[in-house]
Amino acid sequence: MRIQSFPDINFKGHHLVGLVWNIESSRTGEKYKVTMTDLGFSCNCVAGSMRGKCKHAQHVHDLLIDDNIVKYEVA
């Protein structure tokens, strides 16, 4: 499995390392697993395994950096 990293996230020691996101394919409905590692995101889809770049990892990245999405609420 290849790793896809993004320059705007410091993955080394990130508090979400080890977390797995289940992302559904928009085209086939198949579910893929995107995992944050100390080096970046890995995905078990064909593109993630072969090229290291896939839209599922890109989607998780975009969710994490989007300032318009409520990430959590403190009650």
Protein backbone atom coordinates (compact mmCIF):
# COMPACT_ATOMS: atom_id res chain seq x y z
CA MET A 1 0.00 0.00 0.00
CA ARG A 2 1.35 3.40 -0.96
CA ILE A 3 1.13 6.59 1.06
CA GLN A 4 -0.34 9.90 -0.08
CA SER A 5 0.80 12.92 1.90
CA PHE A 6 -0.26 16.54 1.82
CA PRO A 7 2.04 19.45 2.70
CA ASP A 8 -0.58 21.23 4.83
CA ILE A 9 -0.86 18.40 7.40
CA ASN A 10 2.02 17.36 9.68
CA PHE A 11 1.33 13.63 9.89
CA LYS A 12 4.22 12.64 12.17
CA GLY A 13 2.74 12.16 15.65
CA HIS A 14 -0.64 13.59 14.59
CA HIS A 15 -3.38 12.76 17.10
CA LEU A 16 -5.43 11.03 14.36
CA VAL A 17 -2.68 8.61 13.28
CA GLY A 18 -4.20 5.13 13.19
CA LEU A 19 -7.74 6.39 12.59
CA VAL A 20 -9.57 4.72 9.70
CA TRP A 21 -12.24 6.46 7.62
CA ASN A 22 -14.71 4.28 5.69
CA ILE A 23 -15.31 6.10 2.42
CA GLU A 24 -17.94 4.99 -0.07
CA SER A 25 -17.13 5.19 -3.76
CA SER A 26 -19.34 7.71 -5.52
CA ARG A 27 -19.28 5.59 -8.66
CA THR A 28 -19.67 1.97 -7.49
CA GLY A 29 -20.85 2.27 -3.89
CA GLU A 30 -17.93 0.08 -2.80
CA LYS A 31 -16.41 1.00 0.57
CA TYR A 32 -12.73 1.78 0.99
CA LYS A 33 -10.61 2.31 4.07
CA VAL A 34 -8.44 5.41 4.34
CA THR A 35 -5.97 5.25 7.21
CA MET A 36 -3.84 8.07 8.58
CA THR A 37 -0.23 7.04 9.19
CA ASP A 38 2.81 8.98 10.38
CA LEU A 39 3.71 9.51 6.71
CA GLY A 40 0.30 10.36 5.22
CA PHE A 41 -2.89 8.58 4.14
CA SER A 42 -3.12 5.06 2.79
CA CYS A 43 -6.16 3.69 0.97
CA ASN A 44 -7.01 0.12 0.05
CA CYS A 45 -8.46 1.04 -3.37
CA VAL A 46 -6.61 0.11 -6.56
CA ALA A 47 -5.41 3.67 -7.19
CA GLY A 48 -4.20 4.02 -3.61
CA SER A 49 -2.36 0.71 -3.80
CA MET A 50 -0.75 1.25 -7.20
CA ARG A 51 -0.13 4.98 -7.56
CA GLY A 52 -0.45 6.21 -3.99
CA LYS A 53 -2.92 8.89 -5.07
CA CYS A 54 -6.65 8.42 -4.86
CA LYS A 55 -9.75 10.54 -4.48
CA HIS A 56 -10.71 8.80 -1.21
CA ALA A 57 -7.58 10.05 0.58
CA GLN A 58 -8.10 13.44 -1.04
CA HIS A 59 -11.66 13.48 0.32
CA VAL A 60 -10.52 12.77 3.90
CA HIS A 61 -7.83 15.44 3.57
CA ASP A 62 -10.40 17.96 2.35
CA LEU A 63 -12.72 17.13 5.26
CA LEU A 64 -9.93 17.70 7.77
CA ILE A 65 -8.84 21.08 6.44
CA ASP A 66 -12.27 22.52 5.52
CA ASP A 67 -13.01 25.37 7.93
CA ASN A 68 -16.72 25.33 7.01
CA ILE A 69 -17.36 21.85 8.44
CA VAL A 70 -18.22 21.53 12.13
CA LYS A 71 -15.66 19.02 13.36
CA TYR A 72 -16.97 18.67 16.90
CA GLU A 73 -19.20 20.30 19.44
CA VAL A 74 -18.37 20.87 23.05
CA ALA A 75 -21.39 20.60 25.29
